[in-house]
Amino acid sequence: MRKYWFFDLDGTLADTDRDIREAWKAAIVDVGLHCPHFDKEFIAGPSIDEMTKKLFPNEYSSEISDAIRVNFGRHYDGDGFPNTYEYPGIIEEVKRLKEAGAKVFIATNKRFAGARIMAQKFGWDKIFDGLYCGDMHKDDAIGKLRKPALLRLIMKEQGADRGECVMVGDTINDFEAARENGIFSIAVPWGYGTDEEKKNADLFLKSLPFPN
């Protein structure tokens, strides 16, 4: 069994979509933008900057992205995540991996402030060995770390060899980040990624448990 397991959060550990969407919609109104195609185009998981570029290609600027980020955080962190729930069986599998000797980490594009509150609400802070969010670890050149760099950081801090690591996720961002780092990847049978995206994982899991 591989020793180090990295878990995406949105769409992998929990269905966070509705709460994220509601906070995004409120943030868009706050900055004076209108997005009639929001529900069709929005995907939970990518960074706020990536989604701002996708939703507002003509209006995009770093200032607009930063304004959405601030207002999103204000709405999202304060609502208590009333519509967020864990996917059945996933935390039991995380616990099983730990009991078998693995070290388990959350690796997410989610902002640290919101991710920490959520981890405390669901008790993940007592299960996982670490929570890694891109905005905790700034790169002077790009600001927030993207997931490929975030995975490299976890491996470096934990002294983990790529052959010992697994990335568990639901979208192509997770699988591409794993591939860029030479890490084995597993696609969960739920989440926000399409089946076509999940074919980019080394293993497209149809049901639990995770393979040893």
N, C-alpha and C. Protein backbone atom coordinates (compact mmCIF):
# COMPACT_ATOMS: atom_id res chain seq x y z
N MET A 1 0.84 -1.21 0.00
CA MET A 1 0.00 0.00 0.00
C MET A 1 0.87 1.25 0.00
N ARG A 2 0.50 2.22 -0.81
CA ARG A 2 1.23 3.49 -0.82
C ARG A 2 1.02 4.21 0.50
N LYS A 3 2.03 4.94 0.92
CA LYS A 3 2.04 5.51 2.28
C LYS A 3 1.34 6.85 2.37
N TYR A 4 1.43 7.68 1.31
CA TYR A 4 0.92 9.05 1.38
C TYR A 4 -0.28 9.22 0.44
N TRP A 5 -1.40 9.62 1.01
CA TRP A 5 -2.64 9.79 0.26
C TRP A 5 -3.09 11.23 0.35
N PHE A 6 -3.29 11.85 -0.82
CA PHE A 6 -3.72 13.25 -0.91
C PHE A 6 -5.16 13.30 -1.44
N PHE A 7 -6.05 13.94 -0.70
CA PHE A 7 -7.46 13.98 -1.06
C PHE A 7 -7.88 15.40 -1.43
N ASP A 8 -8.44 15.53 -2.61
CA ASP A 8 -9.15 16.75 -2.97
C ASP A 8 -10.35 16.88 -2.02
N LEU A 9 -10.89 18.10 -1.90
CA LEU A 9 -12.03 18.32 -0.99
C LEU A 9 -13.34 18.43 -1.76
N ASP A 10 -13.50 19.51 -2.54
CA ASP A 10 -14.76 19.76 -3.25
C ASP A 10 -15.03 18.67 -4.28
N GLY A 11 -16.11 17.92 -4.10
CA GLY A 11 -16.46 16.88 -5.05
C GLY A 11 -15.79 15.55 -4.78
N THR A 12 -14.90 15.50 -3.78
CA THR A 12 -14.22 14.25 -3.44
C THR A 12 -14.57 13.83 -2.01
N LEU A 13 -14.28 14.69 -1.05
CA LEU A 13 -14.68 14.40 0.33
C LEU A 13 -16.13 14.78 0.58
N ALA A 14 -16.56 15.88 -0.02
CA ALA A 14 -17.91 16.38 0.27
C ALA A 14 -18.53 17.04 -0.95
N ASP A 15 -19.86 16.99 -0.98
CA ASP A 15 -20.61 17.73 -1.99
C ASP A 15 -20.82 19.13 -1.44
N THR A 16 -20.05 20.06 -1.95
CA THR A 16 -20.06 21.44 -1.48
C THR A 16 -20.72 22.39 -2.48
N ASP A 17 -21.24 21.83 -3.56
CA ASP A 17 -21.63 22.64 -4.72
C ASP A 17 -22.66 23.72 -4.39
N ARG A 18 -23.73 23.36 -3.71
CA ARG A 18 -24.81 24.34 -3.52
C ARG A 18 -24.34 25.54 -2.69
N ASP A 19 -23.63 25.27 -1.60
CA ASP A 19 -23.16 26.38 -0.76
C ASP A 19 -22.17 27.26 -1.51
N ILE A 20 -21.30 26.65 -2.30
CA ILE A 20 -20.34 27.43 -3.09
C ILE A 20 -21.07 28.29 -4.12
N ARG A 21 -22.05 27.70 -4.80
CA ARG A 21 -22.80 28.45 -5.81
C ARG A 21 -23.52 29.66 -5.20
N GLU A 22 -24.14 29.46 -4.05
CA GLU A 22 -24.88 30.56 -3.44
C GLU A 22 -23.93 31.69 -3.03
N ALA A 23 -22.76 31.34 -2.50
CA ALA A 23 -21.79 32.36 -2.11
C ALA A 23 -21.22 33.07 -3.33
N TRP A 24 -20.99 32.33 -4.41
CA TRP A 24 -20.52 32.93 -5.66
C TRP A 24 -21.53 33.92 -6.22
N LYS A 25 -22.80 33.51 -6.25
CA LYS A 25 -23.84 34.39 -6.78
C LYS A 25 -23.92 35.69 -5.99
N ALA A 26 -23.83 35.58 -4.67
CA ALA A 26 -23.87 36.77 -3.83
C ALA A 26 -22.65 37.65 -4.08
N ALA A 27 -21.48 37.04 -4.27
CA ALA A 27 -20.25 37.79 -4.51
C ALA A 27 -20.31 38.52 -5.84
N ILE A 28 -20.87 37.87 -6.85
CA ILE A 28 -21.00 38.49 -8.17
C ILE A 28 -21.86 39.75 -8.09
N VAL A 29 -22.97 39.65 -7.37
CA VAL A 29 -23.83 40.81 -7.18
C VAL A 29 -23.08 41.92 -6.46
N ASP A 30 -22.31 41.54 -5.45
CA ASP A 30 -21.56 42.53 -4.66
C ASP A 30 -20.62 43.36 -5.52
N VAL A 31 -20.01 42.73 -6.52
CA VAL A 31 -19.04 43.46 -7.36
C VAL A 31 -19.69 44.08 -8.59
N GLY A 32 -21.02 43.95 -8.69
CA GLY A 32 -21.73 44.63 -9.76
C GLY A 32 -21.71 43.93 -11.11
N LEU A 33 -21.51 42.61 -11.12
CA LEU A 33 -21.50 41.86 -12.37
C LEU A 33 -22.78 41.06 -12.52
N HIS A 34 -23.04 40.62 -13.75
CA HIS A 34 -24.22 39.82 -14.05
C HIS A 34 -23.78 38.63 -14.89
N CYS A 35 -24.26 37.44 -14.51
CA CYS A 35 -23.82 36.23 -15.20
C CYS A 35 -25.03 35.33 -15.45
N PRO A 36 -25.77 35.56 -16.53
CA PRO A 36 -26.99 34.78 -16.80
C PRO A 36 -26.73 33.30 -17.04
N HIS A 37 -25.52 32.94 -17.45
CA HIS A 37 -25.18 31.55 -17.74
C HIS A 37 -24.46 30.87 -16.57
N PHE A 38 -24.54 31.46 -15.39
CA PHE A 38 -23.76 30.97 -14.24
C PHE A 38 -24.02 29.50 -13.95
N ASP A 39 -25.27 29.12 -13.76
CA ASP A 39 -25.58 27.74 -13.35
C ASP A 39 -25.13 26.71 -14.37
N LYS A 40 -25.06 27.11 -15.63
CA LYS A 40 -24.62 26.20 -16.68
C LYS A 40 -23.10 26.09 -16.73
N GLU A 41 -22.41 27.18 -16.51
CA GLU A 41 -20.96 27.23 -16.71
C GLU A 41 -20.14 26.97 -15.46
N PHE A 42 -20.71 27.22 -14.29
CA PHE A 42 -19.92 27.14 -13.06
C PHE A 42 -19.62 25.69 -12.69
N ILE A 43 -18.38 25.48 -12.19
CA ILE A 43 -17.95 24.18 -11.67
C ILE A 43 -17.25 24.41 -10.35
N ALA A 44 -17.65 23.70 -9.31
CA ALA A 44 -16.96 23.77 -8.03
C ALA A 44 -15.64 23.01 -8.14
N GLY A 45 -14.59 23.55 -7.59
CA GLY A 45 -13.30 22.86 -7.62
C GLY A 45 -12.16 23.72 -8.11
N PRO A 46 -12.26 24.30 -9.34
CA PRO A 46 -11.19 25.19 -9.80
C PRO A 46 -11.07 26.42 -8.90
N SER A 47 -9.94 27.09 -8.98
CA SER A 47 -9.70 28.28 -8.15
C SER A 47 -10.66 29.41 -8.54
N ILE A 48 -10.82 30.36 -7.62
CA ILE A 48 -11.66 31.51 -7.90
C ILE A 48 -11.15 32.28 -9.11
N ASP A 49 -9.85 32.41 -9.25
CA ASP A 49 -9.30 33.14 -10.39
C ASP A 49 -9.62 32.43 -11.71
N GLU A 50 -9.49 31.10 -11.73
CA GLU A 50 -9.80 30.34 -12.94
C GLU A 50 -11.27 30.49 -13.31
N MET A 51 -12.15 30.40 -12.32
CA MET A 51 -13.58 30.50 -12.60
C MET A 51 -13.97 31.91 -13.01
N THR A 52 -13.31 32.91 -12.44
CA THR A 52 -13.60 34.29 -12.84
C THR A 52 -13.25 34.49 -14.31
N LYS A 53 -12.12 33.95 -14.74
CA LYS A 53 -11.73 34.04 -16.15
C LYS A 53 -12.73 33.33 -17.05
N LYS A 54 -13.23 32.18 -16.60
CA LYS A 54 -14.17 31.41 -17.40
C LYS A 54 -15.52 32.11 -17.51
N LEU A 55 -16.01 32.64 -16.38
CA LEU A 55 -17.34 33.24 -16.36
C LEU A 55 -17.37 34.64 -16.96
N PHE A 56 -16.24 35.37 -16.81
CA PHE A 56 -16.19 36.77 -17.25
C PHE A 56 -14.95 37.03 -18.11
N PRO A 57 -14.84 36.36 -19.26
CA PRO A 57 -13.63 36.50 -20.08
C PRO A 57 -13.40 37.93 -20.57
N ASN A 58 -14.45 38.68 -20.77
CA ASN A 58 -14.31 40.04 -21.28
C ASN A 58 -14.08 41.06 -20.17
N GLU A 59 -14.66 40.81 -19.01
CA GLU A 59 -14.52 41.75 -17.90
C GLU A 59 -13.36 41.42 -16.98
N TYR A 60 -12.74 40.24 -17.15
CA TYR A 60 -11.75 39.76 -16.18
C TYR A 60 -10.59 40.73 -15.98
N SER A 61 -10.22 40.86 -14.71
CA SER A 61 -8.98 41.52 -14.31
C SER A 61 -8.61 40.94 -12.95
N SER A 62 -7.37 41.09 -12.57
CA SER A 62 -6.95 40.58 -11.26
C SER A 62 -7.71 41.28 -10.14
N GLU A 63 -8.05 42.56 -10.36
CA GLU A 63 -8.79 43.32 -9.35
C GLU A 63 -10.21 42.75 -9.18
N ILE A 64 -10.87 42.41 -10.28
CA ILE A 64 -12.20 41.83 -10.20
C ILE A 64 -12.14 40.46 -9.52
N SER A 65 -11.14 39.66 -9.90
CA SER A 65 -10.98 38.35 -9.28
C SER A 65 -10.76 38.49 -7.77
N ASP A 66 -9.93 39.43 -7.37
CA ASP A 66 -9.68 39.64 -5.94
C ASP A 66 -10.94 40.10 -5.21
N ALA A 67 -11.73 40.95 -5.86
CA ALA A 67 -12.97 41.44 -5.23
C ALA A 67 -13.97 40.30 -5.05
N ILE A 68 -14.08 39.43 -6.06
CA ILE A 68 -14.96 38.27 -5.92
C ILE A 68 -14.48 37.36 -4.81
N ARG A 69 -13.17 37.16 -4.73
CA ARG A 69 -12.60 36.30 -3.69
C ARG A 69 -12.95 36.82 -2.29
N VAL A 70 -12.80 38.11 -2.07
CA VAL A 70 -13.07 38.70 -0.76
C VAL A 70 -14.55 38.53 -0.40
N ASN A 71 -15.42 38.87 -1.34
CA ASN A 71 -16.85 38.80 -1.07
C ASN A 71 -17.35 37.36 -0.97
N PHE A 72 -16.78 36.48 -1.79
CA PHE A 72 -17.12 35.07 -1.68
C PHE A 72 -16.79 34.56 -0.29
N GLY A 73 -15.59 34.87 0.18
CA GLY A 73 -15.18 34.40 1.50
C GLY A 73 -16.08 34.90 2.61
N ARG A 74 -16.51 36.14 2.49
CA ARG A 74 -17.39 36.72 3.51
C ARG A 74 -18.72 35.96 3.58
N HIS A 75 -19.26 35.64 2.43
CA HIS A 75 -20.53 34.89 2.42
C HIS A 75 -20.32 33.42 2.80
N TYR A 76 -19.31 32.80 2.20
CA TYR A 76 -19.14 31.35 2.34
C TYR A 76 -18.73 30.95 3.76
N ASP A 77 -17.76 31.66 4.31
CA ASP A 77 -17.24 31.27 5.61
C ASP A 77 -18.24 31.50 6.74
N GLY A 78 -19.21 32.38 6.52
CA GLY A 78 -20.12 32.71 7.59
C GLY A 78 -21.45 31.98 7.58
N ASP A 79 -21.68 31.13 6.57
CA ASP A 79 -23.02 30.54 6.46
C ASP A 79 -23.18 29.21 7.17
N GLY A 80 -22.07 28.61 7.62
CA GLY A 80 -22.17 27.34 8.34
C GLY A 80 -22.30 26.12 7.46
N PHE A 81 -22.20 26.28 6.14
CA PHE A 81 -22.26 25.17 5.18
C PHE A 81 -23.52 24.31 5.36
N PRO A 82 -24.70 24.93 5.32
CA PRO A 82 -25.94 24.18 5.59
C PRO A 82 -26.28 23.13 4.54
N ASN A 83 -25.76 23.27 3.32
CA ASN A 83 -26.10 22.36 2.23
C ASN A 83 -24.94 21.48 1.81
N THR A 84 -23.91 21.39 2.65
CA THR A 84 -22.73 20.58 2.35
C THR A 84 -22.80 19.26 3.12
N TYR A 85 -22.47 18.16 2.46
CA TYR A 85 -22.47 16.87 3.16
C TYR A 85 -21.35 15.97 2.61
N GLU A 86 -20.88 15.08 3.48
CA GLU A 86 -19.85 14.12 3.09
C GLU A 86 -20.44 13.08 2.15
N TYR A 87 -19.62 12.64 1.22
CA TYR A 87 -20.05 11.52 0.38
C TYR A 87 -20.01 10.24 1.21
N PRO A 88 -21.02 9.40 1.10
CA PRO A 88 -21.09 8.19 1.93
C PRO A 88 -19.88 7.29 1.76
N GLY A 89 -19.30 6.90 2.87
CA GLY A 89 -18.22 5.92 2.88
C GLY A 89 -16.82 6.47 2.75
N ILE A 90 -16.66 7.73 2.32
CA ILE A 90 -15.32 8.24 2.04
C ILE A 90 -14.49 8.39 3.30
N ILE A 91 -15.05 8.92 4.37
CA ILE A 91 -14.27 9.12 5.58
C ILE A 91 -13.94 7.78 6.24
N GLU A 92 -14.84 6.82 6.12
CA GLU A 92 -14.54 5.48 6.63
C GLU A 92 -13.34 4.89 5.90
N GLU A 93 -13.26 5.16 4.60
CA GLU A 93 -12.11 4.68 3.84
C GLU A 93 -10.82 5.39 4.25
N VAL A 94 -10.91 6.68 4.51
CA VAL A 94 -9.75 7.42 4.99
C VAL A 94 -9.27 6.83 6.32
N LYS A 95 -10.20 6.54 7.20
CA LYS A 95 -9.84 5.96 8.50
C LYS A 95 -9.20 4.58 8.31
N ARG A 96 -9.71 3.81 7.36
CA ARG A 96 -9.14 2.48 7.10
C ARG A 96 -7.70 2.59 6.62
N LEU A 97 -7.45 3.57 5.75
CA LEU A 97 -6.10 3.77 5.27
C LEU A 97 -5.15 4.13 6.41
N LYS A 98 -5.63 5.01 7.29
CA LYS A 98 -4.80 5.41 8.44
C LYS A 98 -4.50 4.22 9.35
N GLU A 99 -5.52 3.41 9.58
CA GLU A 99 -5.32 2.23 10.44
C GLU A 99 -4.31 1.26 9.83
N ALA A 100 -4.20 1.28 8.50
CA ALA A 100 -3.24 0.41 7.81
C ALA A 100 -1.85 1.02 7.74
N GLY A 101 -1.70 2.25 8.28
CA GLY A 101 -0.38 2.87 8.34
C GLY A 101 -0.12 4.01 7.38
N ALA A 102 -1.13 4.40 6.60
CA ALA A 102 -0.95 5.51 5.65
C ALA A 102 -1.05 6.85 6.36
N LYS A 103 -0.46 7.87 5.73
CA LYS A 103 -0.65 9.25 6.17
C LYS A 103 -1.57 9.92 5.15
N VAL A 104 -2.56 10.65 5.64
CA VAL A 104 -3.60 11.19 4.77
C VAL A 104 -3.67 12.70 4.91
N PHE A 105 -3.82 13.37 3.76
CA PHE A 105 -3.81 14.84 3.73
C PHE A 105 -4.93 15.35 2.82
N ILE A 106 -5.45 16.51 3.16
CA ILE A 106 -6.36 17.22 2.27
C ILE A 106 -5.53 18.20 1.45
N ALA A 107 -5.67 18.13 0.13
CA ALA A 107 -4.97 19.05 -0.79
C ALA A 107 -6.02 19.70 -1.66
N THR A 108 -6.29 20.98 -1.43
CA THR A 108 -7.44 21.62 -2.06
C THR A 108 -7.14 23.02 -2.57
N ASN A 109 -7.84 23.40 -3.64
CA ASN A 109 -7.80 24.78 -4.10
C ASN A 109 -8.61 25.71 -3.21
N LYS A 110 -9.38 25.12 -2.32
CA LYS A 110 -10.23 25.90 -1.42
C LYS A 110 -9.38 26.83 -0.57
N ARG A 111 -9.94 27.98 -0.23
CA ARG A 111 -9.26 28.91 0.66
C ARG A 111 -9.10 28.28 2.04
N PHE A 112 -7.97 28.55 2.70
CA PHE A 112 -7.70 27.94 3.99
C PHE A 112 -8.76 28.29 5.03
N ALA A 113 -9.21 29.55 5.03
CA ALA A 113 -10.18 29.98 6.05
C ALA A 113 -11.43 29.12 6.01
N GLY A 114 -12.01 28.95 4.82
CA GLY A 114 -13.21 28.13 4.70
C GLY A 114 -12.94 26.65 4.91
N ALA A 115 -11.83 26.16 4.38
CA ALA A 115 -11.50 24.74 4.52
C ALA A 115 -11.28 24.36 5.98
N ARG A 116 -10.66 25.23 6.74
CA ARG A 116 -10.41 24.94 8.16
C ARG A 116 -11.73 24.86 8.93
N ILE A 117 -12.62 25.82 8.68
CA ILE A 117 -13.92 25.81 9.35
C ILE A 117 -14.69 24.54 9.01
N MET A 118 -14.67 24.16 7.73
CA MET A 118 -15.36 22.95 7.30
C MET A 118 -14.75 21.71 7.93
N ALA A 119 -13.42 21.65 7.96
CA ALA A 119 -12.75 20.50 8.57
C ALA A 119 -13.12 20.35 10.04
N GLN A 120 -13.23 21.46 10.73
CA GLN A 120 -13.62 21.42 12.14
C GLN A 120 -15.07 20.98 12.30
N LYS A 121 -15.95 21.46 11.40
CA LYS A 121 -17.36 21.09 11.48
C LYS A 121 -17.55 19.59 11.32
N PHE A 122 -16.85 18.98 10.36
CA PHE A 122 -17.03 17.56 10.08
C PHE A 122 -16.07 16.66 10.86
N GLY A 123 -15.18 17.25 11.64
CA GLY A 123 -14.24 16.45 12.42
C GLY A 123 -13.06 15.94 11.64
N TRP A 124 -12.85 16.47 10.43
CA TRP A 124 -11.72 16.02 9.61
C TRP A 124 -10.39 16.41 10.23
N ASP A 125 -10.37 17.49 10.99
CA ASP A 125 -9.11 17.93 11.61
C ASP A 125 -8.58 16.90 12.60
N LYS A 126 -9.43 16.00 13.05
CA LYS A 126 -9.01 14.95 13.98
C LYS A 126 -8.65 13.66 13.26
N ILE A 127 -8.85 13.64 11.94
CA ILE A 127 -8.61 12.43 11.15
C ILE A 127 -7.40 12.59 10.23
N PHE A 128 -7.38 13.69 9.48
CA PHE A 128 -6.31 13.90 8.51
C PHE A 128 -5.02 14.38 9.19
N ASP A 129 -3.90 14.05 8.57
CA ASP A 129 -2.60 14.43 9.11
C ASP A 129 -2.21 15.86 8.72
N GLY A 130 -2.96 16.47 7.82
CA GLY A 130 -2.65 17.84 7.43
C GLY A 130 -3.67 18.38 6.45
N LEU A 131 -3.82 19.70 6.45
CA LEU A 131 -4.69 20.41 5.52
C LEU A 131 -3.83 21.38 4.73
N TYR A 132 -3.79 21.19 3.40
CA TYR A 132 -2.98 22.04 2.53
C TYR A 132 -3.88 22.78 1.54
N CYS A 133 -3.83 24.11 1.60
CA CYS A 133 -4.60 24.97 0.71
C CYS A 133 -3.64 25.92 0.00
N GLY A 134 -3.94 26.23 -1.25
CA GLY A 134 -3.02 27.04 -2.04
C GLY A 134 -2.72 28.40 -1.45
N ASP A 135 -3.71 29.01 -0.78
CA ASP A 135 -3.47 30.36 -0.27
C ASP A 135 -2.72 30.37 1.06
N MET A 136 -2.38 29.19 1.58
CA MET A 136 -1.53 29.11 2.77
C MET A 136 -0.06 29.26 2.40
N HIS A 137 0.26 29.00 1.15
CA HIS A 137 1.65 28.89 0.72
C HIS A 137 1.83 29.72 -0.54
N LYS A 138 2.19 30.97 -0.38
CA LYS A 138 2.26 31.89 -1.51
C LYS A 138 3.58 31.74 -2.27
N ASP A 139 3.47 31.79 -3.57
CA ASP A 139 4.62 31.86 -4.46
C ASP A 139 4.72 33.31 -4.94
N ASP A 140 5.86 33.94 -4.75
CA ASP A 140 5.99 35.36 -5.10
C ASP A 140 5.68 35.62 -6.56
N ALA A 141 5.91 34.63 -7.41
CA ALA A 141 5.71 34.84 -8.84
C ALA A 141 4.24 34.73 -9.25
N ILE A 142 3.49 33.82 -8.60
CA ILE A 142 2.11 33.57 -9.03
C ILE A 142 1.08 33.79 -7.94
N GLY A 143 1.51 34.10 -6.73
CA GLY A 143 0.56 34.26 -5.64
C GLY A 143 0.16 32.89 -5.10
N LYS A 144 -1.13 32.58 -5.17
CA LYS A 144 -1.63 31.32 -4.65
C LYS A 144 -1.06 30.14 -5.42
N LEU A 145 -0.65 29.09 -4.71
CA LEU A 145 -0.11 27.90 -5.37
C LEU A 145 -1.23 27.14 -6.07
N ARG A 146 -0.98 26.71 -7.30
CA ARG A 146 -1.90 25.81 -7.97
C ARG A 146 -1.62 24.39 -7.52
N LYS A 147 -2.54 23.49 -7.80
CA LYS A 147 -2.44 22.14 -7.22
C LYS A 147 -1.16 21.39 -7.56
N PRO A 148 -0.62 21.48 -8.78
CA PRO A 148 0.65 20.79 -9.01
C PRO A 148 1.75 21.23 -8.03
N ALA A 149 1.85 22.54 -7.81
CA ALA A 149 2.85 23.05 -6.88
C ALA A 149 2.50 22.68 -5.44
N LEU A 150 1.20 22.64 -5.14
CA LEU A 150 0.77 22.27 -3.79
C LEU A 150 1.15 20.83 -3.47
N LEU A 151 0.98 19.94 -4.44
CA LEU A 151 1.38 18.55 -4.23
C LEU A 151 2.89 18.44 -4.03
N ARG A 152 3.64 19.20 -4.80
CA ARG A 152 5.10 19.18 -4.63
C ARG A 152 5.49 19.65 -3.23
N LEU A 153 4.78 20.64 -2.74
CA LEU A 153 5.06 21.15 -1.40
C LEU A 153 4.79 20.09 -0.34
N ILE A 154 3.65 19.40 -0.44
CA ILE A 154 3.34 18.35 0.53
C ILE A 154 4.43 17.28 0.51
N MET A 155 4.80 16.84 -0.69
CA MET A 155 5.81 15.80 -0.81
C MET A 155 7.13 16.24 -0.19
N LYS A 156 7.50 17.49 -0.43
CA LYS A 156 8.75 18.00 0.12
C LYS A 156 8.70 18.05 1.63
N GLU A 157 7.61 18.60 2.17
CA GLU A 157 7.52 18.73 3.63
C GLU A 157 7.42 17.38 4.33
N GLN A 158 6.82 16.40 3.66
CA GLN A 158 6.65 15.09 4.28
C GLN A 158 7.80 14.14 3.95
N GLY A 159 8.69 14.56 3.07
CA GLY A 159 9.78 13.69 2.66
C GLY A 159 9.28 12.47 1.91
N ALA A 160 8.24 12.67 1.10
CA ALA A 160 7.58 11.55 0.40
C ALA A 160 8.12 11.38 -1.00
N ASP A 161 8.45 10.17 -1.36
CA ASP A 161 8.83 9.84 -2.72
C ASP A 161 7.58 9.69 -3.57
N ARG A 162 7.64 10.11 -4.83
CA ARG A 162 6.45 10.08 -5.69
C ARG A 162 5.84 8.70 -5.81
N GLY A 163 6.67 7.68 -5.74
CA GLY A 163 6.17 6.31 -5.84
C GLY A 163 5.37 5.87 -4.64
N GLU A 164 5.46 6.64 -3.55
CA GLU A 164 4.72 6.32 -2.33
C GLU A 164 3.38 7.06 -2.25
N CYS A 165 3.06 7.88 -3.26
CA CYS A 165 1.94 8.82 -3.14
C CYS A 165 0.76 8.47 -4.05
N VAL A 166 -0.43 8.88 -3.59
CA VAL A 166 -1.66 8.73 -4.35
C VAL A 166 -2.44 10.04 -4.26
N MET A 167 -2.98 10.49 -5.39
CA MET A 167 -3.88 11.64 -5.40
C MET A 167 -5.28 11.14 -5.69
N VAL A 168 -6.23 11.45 -4.81
CA VAL A 168 -7.62 11.05 -4.98
C VAL A 168 -8.45 12.29 -5.30
N GLY A 169 -9.15 12.29 -6.43
CA GLY A 169 -9.90 13.47 -6.82
C GLY A 169 -11.07 13.15 -7.72
N ASP A 170 -11.69 14.22 -8.24
CA ASP A 170 -12.86 14.03 -9.09
C ASP A 170 -12.82 14.80 -10.40
N THR A 171 -11.83 15.67 -10.58
CA THR A 171 -11.76 16.46 -11.82
C THR A 171 -10.38 16.35 -12.46
N ILE A 172 -10.31 16.79 -13.70
CA ILE A 172 -9.06 16.69 -14.45
C ILE A 172 -7.94 17.49 -13.80
N ASN A 173 -8.28 18.56 -13.08
CA ASN A 173 -7.24 19.32 -12.38
C ASN A 173 -6.46 18.44 -11.42
N ASP A 174 -7.17 17.55 -10.73
CA ASP A 174 -6.51 16.65 -9.78
C ASP A 174 -5.60 15.66 -10.49
N PHE A 175 -6.08 15.11 -11.59
CA PHE A 175 -5.32 14.07 -12.29
C PHE A 175 -4.12 14.66 -13.03
N GLU A 176 -4.28 15.84 -13.59
CA GLU A 176 -3.15 16.50 -14.25
C GLU A 176 -2.09 16.91 -13.25
N ALA A 177 -2.52 17.37 -12.07
CA ALA A 177 -1.56 17.73 -11.02
C ALA A 177 -0.78 16.50 -10.58
N ALA A 178 -1.47 15.38 -10.46
CA ALA A 178 -0.80 14.14 -10.08
C ALA A 178 0.18 13.71 -11.15
N ARG A 179 -0.24 13.75 -12.42
CA ARG A 179 0.63 13.34 -13.51
C ARG A 179 1.88 14.21 -13.59
N GLU A 180 1.70 15.50 -13.38
CA GLU A 180 2.83 16.42 -13.44
C GLU A 180 3.88 16.10 -12.38
N ASN A 181 3.43 15.46 -11.29
CA ASN A 181 4.34 15.11 -10.21
C ASN A 181 4.71 13.64 -10.18
N GLY A 182 4.25 12.88 -11.19
CA GLY A 182 4.56 11.46 -11.23
C GLY A 182 3.87 10.66 -10.16
N ILE A 183 2.67 11.11 -9.76
CA ILE A 183 1.92 10.48 -8.68
C ILE A 183 0.77 9.66 -9.26
N PHE A 184 0.54 8.50 -8.70
CA PHE A 184 -0.61 7.67 -9.08
C PHE A 184 -1.89 8.39 -8.69
N SER A 185 -2.92 8.35 -9.57
CA SER A 185 -4.16 9.07 -9.28
C SER A 185 -5.37 8.14 -9.36
N ILE A 186 -6.35 8.44 -8.50
CA ILE A 186 -7.60 7.69 -8.44
C ILE A 186 -8.76 8.66 -8.58
N ALA A 187 -9.71 8.34 -9.47
CA ALA A 187 -10.93 9.12 -9.62
C ALA A 187 -12.04 8.47 -8.82
N VAL A 188 -12.69 9.25 -7.96
CA VAL A 188 -13.81 8.72 -7.17
C VAL A 188 -15.05 8.58 -8.06
N PRO A 189 -16.02 7.73 -7.65
CA PRO A 189 -17.20 7.50 -8.50
C PRO A 189 -18.30 8.54 -8.33
N TRP A 190 -17.95 9.71 -7.82
CA TRP A 190 -18.91 10.80 -7.63
C TRP A 190 -18.20 12.12 -7.93
N GLY A 191 -18.80 13.23 -7.55
CA GLY A 191 -18.13 14.52 -7.71
C GLY A 191 -18.58 15.27 -8.94
N TYR A 192 -17.75 16.24 -9.36
CA TYR A 192 -18.15 17.20 -10.39
C TYR A 192 -17.50 16.95 -11.75
N GLY A 193 -16.52 16.11 -11.80
CA GLY A 193 -15.87 15.81 -13.06
C GLY A 193 -16.69 14.85 -13.90
N THR A 194 -16.57 14.96 -15.22
CA THR A 194 -17.26 14.04 -16.13
C THR A 194 -16.50 12.71 -16.22
N ASP A 195 -17.17 11.72 -16.77
CA ASP A 195 -16.50 10.43 -16.97
C ASP A 195 -15.29 10.59 -17.88
N GLU A 196 -15.39 11.48 -18.87
CA GLU A 196 -14.26 11.71 -19.77
C GLU A 196 -13.07 12.27 -19.00
N GLU A 197 -13.32 13.21 -18.09
CA GLU A 197 -12.24 13.74 -17.25
C GLU A 197 -11.62 12.63 -16.42
N LYS A 198 -12.47 11.79 -15.85
CA LYS A 198 -11.98 10.77 -14.92
C LYS A 198 -11.16 9.69 -15.62
N LYS A 199 -11.30 9.58 -16.92
CA LYS A 199 -10.47 8.64 -17.67
C LYS A 199 -9.01 9.07 -17.67
N ASN A 200 -8.73 10.33 -17.27
CA ASN A 200 -7.36 10.81 -17.18
C ASN A 200 -6.67 10.34 -15.90
N ALA A 201 -7.44 9.77 -14.98
CA ALA A 201 -6.84 9.20 -13.77
C ALA A 201 -6.22 7.85 -14.10
N ASP A 202 -5.28 7.42 -13.28
CA ASP A 202 -4.68 6.10 -13.47
C ASP A 202 -5.70 5.00 -13.18
N LEU A 203 -6.63 5.31 -12.26
CA LEU A 203 -7.69 4.36 -11.92
C LEU A 203 -8.99 5.12 -11.74
N PHE A 204 -10.01 4.76 -12.52
CA PHE A 204 -11.34 5.33 -12.40
C PHE A 204 -12.13 4.36 -11.53
N LEU A 205 -12.28 4.70 -10.27
CA LEU A 205 -12.91 3.81 -9.31
C LEU A 205 -14.43 3.83 -9.50
N LYS A 206 -15.01 2.66 -9.63
CA LYS A 206 -16.46 2.56 -9.81
C LYS A 206 -17.20 2.44 -8.48
N SER A 207 -16.50 2.00 -7.45
CA SER A 207 -17.08 1.89 -6.13
C SER A 207 -15.97 1.74 -5.11
N LEU A 208 -16.27 2.02 -3.85
CA LEU A 208 -15.31 1.82 -2.78
C LEU A 208 -15.23 0.32 -2.49
N PRO A 209 -14.14 -0.16 -1.90
CA PRO A 209 -13.04 0.56 -1.25
C PRO A 209 -11.92 0.93 -2.21
N PHE A 210 -10.97 1.73 -1.69
CA PHE A 210 -9.76 2.01 -2.45
C PHE A 210 -8.88 0.78 -2.50
N PRO A 211 -8.15 0.58 -3.58
CA PRO A 211 -7.25 -0.57 -3.65
C PRO A 211 -6.05 -0.36 -2.73
N ASN A 212 -5.54 -1.42 -2.19
CA ASN A 212 -4.35 -1.33 -1.33
C ASN A 212 -3.09 -1.20 -2.18
